[in-house]
C-alpha cells in the first residue's frame, strides 16, 4: 500500500510550509513539500511532538528552521538536500490530525 500524500492528510500544514519557505533561500524545497508522502509518524512519545518522516530512510545532514506563528517547524534534509523528516513541535492541531488519520486507517 502506498503511503499517503502529505497534502491529503495535512493540506493546511503543506500550504503553511510553502508560505514559510518564501524569503528563506530554501524556496526550491516547495516542489518537494507539495509531493511529499507521509512515511511514518515520530514515536518519541512526547505529547508536544507531531513530527513525521517523509522518506523511508532518515539520515539528517542539514535542516531549515521555519519561523512559524505557532510551535516549531523544522525541515530535515538528507545529504542530497531531499526532505526526509519534518519536526513539528508545539502544534496540537497537527498532532490531532495525524492521530485521526492513523486511527481511521488502522
C-alpha atoms as a PDB file:
ATOM      1  CA  UNK A   1       0.000   0.000   0.000  1.00  0.00           C
ATOM      2  CA  UNK A   2       1.357   3.413  -0.991  1.00  0.00           C
ATOM      3  CA  UNK A   3       1.982   5.943   1.721  1.00  0.00           C
ATOM      4  CA  UNK A   4      -0.404   8.920   1.643  1.00  0.00           C
ATOM      5  CA  UNK A   5       0.498  12.282   0.208  1.00  0.00           C
ATOM      6  CA  UNK A   6       1.112  14.772   2.975  1.00  0.00           C
ATOM      7  CA  UNK A   7      -1.237  17.155   1.178  1.00  0.00           C
ATOM      8  CA  UNK A   8      -4.062  14.605   1.599  1.00  0.00           C
ATOM      9  CA  UNK A   9      -3.505  14.270   5.357  1.00  0.00           C
ATOM     10  CA  UNK A  10      -2.293  17.757   6.337  1.00  0.00           C
ATOM     11  CA  UNK A  11      -3.179  20.154   3.483  1.00  0.00           C
ATOM     12  CA  UNK A  12      -3.086  23.261   5.676  1.00  0.00           C
ATOM     13  CA  UNK A  13       0.374  22.390   7.014  1.00  0.00           C
ATOM     14  CA  UNK A  14       1.670  21.869   3.465  1.00  0.00           C
ATOM     15  CA  UNK A  15       0.438  25.334   2.467  1.00  0.00           C
ATOM     16  CA  UNK A  16       1.846  26.840   5.664  1.00  0.00           C
ATOM     17  CA  UNK A  17       5.278  25.307   4.999  1.00  0.00           C
ATOM     18  CA  UNK A  18       5.245  26.536   1.378  1.00  0.00           C
ATOM     19  CA  UNK A  19       4.365  30.031   2.611  1.00  0.00           C
ATOM     20  CA  UNK A  20       7.042  29.957   5.329  1.00  0.00           C
ATOM     21  CA  UNK A  21       9.695  28.908   2.813  1.00  0.00           C
ATOM     22  CA  UNK A  22       9.258  32.208   0.952  1.00  0.00           C
ATOM     23  CA  UNK A  23      12.205  34.512   1.574  1.00  0.00           C
ATOM     24  CA  UNK A  24      14.332  31.867   3.318  1.00  0.00           C
ATOM     25  CA  UNK A  25      16.538  30.938   0.378  1.00  0.00           C
ATOM     26  CA  UNK A  26      15.044  27.432   0.576  1.00  0.00           C
ATOM     27  CA  UNK A  27      12.212  28.126  -1.881  1.00  0.00           C
ATOM     28  CA  UNK A  28      13.306  25.230  -4.168  1.00  0.00           C
ATOM     29  CA  UNK A  29      12.042  22.852  -1.462  1.00  0.00           C
ATOM     30  CA  UNK A  30       8.469  23.910  -2.298  1.00  0.00           C
ATOM     31  CA  UNK A  31       8.236  21.305  -5.074  1.00  0.00           C
ATOM     32  CA  UNK A  32       9.329  18.571  -2.664  1.00  0.00           C
ATOM     33  CA  UNK A  33       6.878  19.746   0.004  1.00  0.00           C
ATOM     34  CA  UNK A  34       3.940  19.527  -2.394  1.00  0.00           C
ATOM     35  CA  UNK A  35       4.946  15.978  -3.466  1.00  0.00           C
ATOM     36  CA  UNK A  36       5.893  14.608  -0.010  1.00  0.00           C
ATOM     37  CA  UNK A  37       4.496  11.367   1.294  1.00  0.00           C
ATOM     38  CA  UNK A  38       3.853  10.633   4.931  1.00  0.00           C
ATOM     39  CA  UNK A  39       6.080   7.626   5.630  1.00  0.00           C
ATOM     40  CA  UNK A  40       5.643   7.392   9.411  1.00  0.00           C
ATOM     41  CA  UNK A  41       4.980   9.475  12.490  1.00  0.00           C
ATOM     42  CA  UNK A  42       7.543  10.025  15.210  1.00  0.00           C
ATOM     43  CA  UNK A  43       7.313   7.503  18.028  1.00  0.00           C
ATOM     44  CA  UNK A  44       9.246   9.501  20.657  1.00  0.00           C
ATOM     45  CA  UNK A  45       6.195   9.603  22.936  1.00  0.00           C
ATOM     46  CA  UNK A  46       6.467  13.345  23.662  1.00  0.00           C
ATOM     47  CA  UNK A  47       2.969  14.849  23.887  1.00  0.00           C
ATOM     48  CA  UNK A  48       4.321  18.016  22.261  1.00  0.00           C
ATOM     49  CA  UNK A  49       5.652  16.190  19.192  1.00  0.00           C
ATOM     50  CA  UNK A  50       3.783  15.882  15.888  1.00  0.00           C
ATOM     51  CA  UNK A  51       6.872  15.140  13.788  1.00  0.00           C
ATOM     52  CA  UNK A  52       6.941  12.691  10.894  1.00  0.00           C
ATOM     53  CA  UNK A  53       9.214  11.055   8.339  1.00  0.00           C
ATOM     54  CA  UNK A  54       8.785  11.803   4.651  1.00  0.00           C
ATOM     55  CA  UNK A  55      11.353   9.250   3.464  1.00  0.00           C
ATOM     56  CA  UNK A  56      11.883   5.584   4.237  1.00  0.00           C
ATOM     57  CA  UNK A  57      15.400   6.345   5.484  1.00  0.00           C
ATOM     58  CA  UNK A  58      16.041   9.351   7.720  1.00  0.00           C
ATOM     59  CA  UNK A  59      19.658  10.494   7.770  1.00  0.00           C
ATOM     60  CA  UNK A  60      19.773  14.202   8.535  1.00  0.00           C
ATOM     61  CA  UNK A  61      22.644  16.194   7.044  1.00  0.00           C
ATOM     62  CA  UNK A  62      21.130  19.699   7.156  1.00  0.00           C
ATOM     63  CA  UNK A  63      17.956  21.485   8.200  1.00  0.00           C
ATOM     64  CA  UNK A  64      15.815  24.552   7.572  1.00  0.00           C
ATOM     65  CA  UNK A  65      14.099  26.092  10.588  1.00  0.00           C
ATOM     66  CA  UNK A  66      10.930  27.938   9.641  1.00  0.00           C
ATOM     67  CA  UNK A  67       9.530  30.928  11.522  1.00  0.00           C
ATOM     68  CA  UNK A  68       6.026  29.642  12.216  1.00  0.00           C
ATOM     69  CA  UNK A  69       3.487  31.639  14.186  1.00  0.00           C
ATOM     70  CA  UNK A  70       2.744  28.668  16.426  1.00  0.00           C
ATOM     71  CA  UNK A  71       5.125  25.985  17.645  1.00  0.00           C
ATOM     72  CA  UNK A  72       8.239  24.958  15.762  1.00  0.00           C
ATOM     73  CA  UNK A  73       8.559  23.590  12.240  1.00  0.00           C
ATOM     74  CA  UNK A  74      11.946  22.315  11.089  1.00  0.00           C
ATOM     75  CA  UNK A  75      12.611  20.629   7.753  1.00  0.00           C
ATOM     76  CA  UNK A  76      15.343  17.997   7.957  1.00  0.00           C
ATOM     77  CA  UNK A  77      17.312  17.289   4.773  1.00  0.00           C
ATOM     78  CA  UNK A  78      19.492  14.335   3.841  1.00  0.00           C
ATOM     79  CA  UNK A  79      22.890  14.621   2.124  1.00  0.00           C
ATOM     80  CA  UNK A  80      21.157  15.064  -1.258  1.00  0.00           C
ATOM     81  CA  UNK A  81      19.098  18.012   0.082  1.00  0.00           C
ATOM     82  CA  UNK A  82      15.943  15.899  -0.041  1.00  0.00           C
ATOM     83  CA  UNK A  83      13.399  16.328   2.723  1.00  0.00           C
ATOM     84  CA  UNK A  84      13.475  13.247   4.936  1.00  0.00           C
ATOM     85  CA  UNK A  85      11.790  14.405   8.156  1.00  0.00           C
ATOM     86  CA  UNK A  86       9.628  17.291   9.354  1.00  0.00           C
ATOM     87  CA  UNK A  87       9.944  18.235  13.003  1.00  0.00           C
ATOM     88  CA  UNK A  88       6.698  19.717  14.302  1.00  0.00           C
ATOM     89  CA  UNK A  89       6.642  20.698  17.971  1.00  0.00           C
ATOM     90  CA  UNK A  90       4.000  22.508  19.985  1.00  0.00           C
ATOM     91  CA  UNK A  91       1.295  22.026  17.362  1.00  0.00           C
ATOM     92  CA  UNK A  92      -1.651  20.129  18.878  1.00  0.00           C
ATOM     93  CA  UNK A  93      -3.658  20.772  15.691  1.00  0.00           C
ATOM     94  CA  UNK A  94      -1.170  18.785  13.606  1.00  0.00           C
ATOM     95  CA  UNK A  95      -0.856  16.039  16.225  1.00  0.00           C
ATOM     96  CA  UNK A  96      -4.647  15.650  16.318  1.00  0.00           C
ATOM     97  CA  UNK A  97      -4.925  15.357  12.523  1.00  0.00           C
ATOM     98  CA  UNK A  98      -2.107  12.790  12.351  1.00  0.00           C
ATOM     99  CA  UNK A  99      -3.703  10.699  15.091  1.00  0.00           C
ATOM    100  CA  UNK A 100      -7.106  10.924  13.417  1.00  0.00           C
ATOM    101  CA  UNK A 101      -5.664   9.792  10.111  1.00  0.00           C
ATOM    102  CA  UNK A 102      -3.829   6.814  11.588  1.00  0.00           C
ATOM    103  CA  UNK A 103      -6.775   5.813  13.795  1.00  0.00           C
ATOM    104  CA  UNK A 104      -9.097   5.857  10.766  1.00  0.00           C
ATOM    105  CA  UNK A 105      -6.706   3.879   8.572  1.00  0.00           C
ATOM    106  CA  UNK A 106      -5.977   1.121  11.082  1.00  0.00           C
END
